Amino acid sequence: LLFSSRFVGINASDINYSAGRYDPSAKPPFDIGLEGVGDVVALGLSASANYSVGQAVAYTKLGAFAEYTVVPAKDAVPVPAVKPEFLTLMVSGTTAYISLKELGGLSEGKKVLVTAAAGGTGQFAVQLAKKAKCHVIGTCSSDEKGAFLRSIGCDHTINYKTENVESVLRRSYPKGVDVVYESVGGKMFDLAVNSLATKGRMIVIGFITGYQNPSGLQPVKAELLPAKLLRKSASIRGFFLNHYFSEYNMALKDLLKMYEKGELVCEVDLGDASPEGRFTGLESVFRAVDYMYMGKNIGKIVVELPHSVNSKL
């Protein structure tokens, strides 16, 4: 399938790809970007049975930061319309859905802490944990983000810029939290480990605080980790979406169904509140990545690729 991309998604791990951390053998120049949504403009023979020109399709594919891209039919997902909301589900939504289902052990009444809760994937962790009838705590960096989190059902928001997260958790949840959905790393990782309840589980889906360092890592106080985990019978599990592709289609189908029924908020941030305005055109990908690392976004950051009427392939 040949796509004309209309929206591309920005992910914290984009800079890990561009720094060559995920594929050290990659030699520049190489394509980056993980996901897009747009319309089909041309079809290969085998794809013409299932797709038609003009159809709205989303895809996850390395090299998505492009106005036109070729995608194997098996990697494309038909969507009802070319809307950025569908893009939020492709990586961010499925990461929350699959990791919580496979590793979270969610059940009614469990206390779930989501770090960077108002971000691209955090918003889904909050909503899916609420659907499982859990009590959800979300950390964020502004009152505006806190208000957004409460609007999607978050029970307790903690603004880490104005509150001491560790003491708030200790005071409000003296027995600890049962599940942590952790994407921040560094000091947040350490305090999340300290906040785990007996038999608590932490799911590590990222560590954004470290990605801008030369090594891509932020130091954590891991020396005491074995003792801390043993004392609480607690566990820490890593989650990388690429290892769970067997679950992917089912997860995406379920998320799309929830969104279509109005049961899921897919918050999109197109950068309208950023200093230079809306993220438009591939040249604004840099701004969008900076905006994310400044912690400004509410929801998933998406860049719009406008197409001129007379653009030629």
Foldseek 3Di string as FASTA:
>chain_A
DKWQFFKFFDDLCQLVVVLCVVPVVDDPPDAAGFKTKGFAQDDDPVLVVPDDGGFIKIFTDGRPLDRMDDDPNVRIDGAPDRDCLLVLCQPLVLQLQVCCVPPVPAAAAAEEEEELLQESNNVNNLLVSVVRNYQYEYEAADVVLVVVSVVSPHNHYHRVVPDPVLVVLCVVPVQAGAEYEDAAADPVVQSNLVRHHQQHEYEYAHHSPQCVPSVSHHDHPCPCVVVSCVVRVYYYHYDDVVVVVVCNVVSSVVVSVCVVVVNGDQDECQQCVPPVGGQEASVCSVVQNVCVSVRNDRHIYMHGYDDDPPDDD
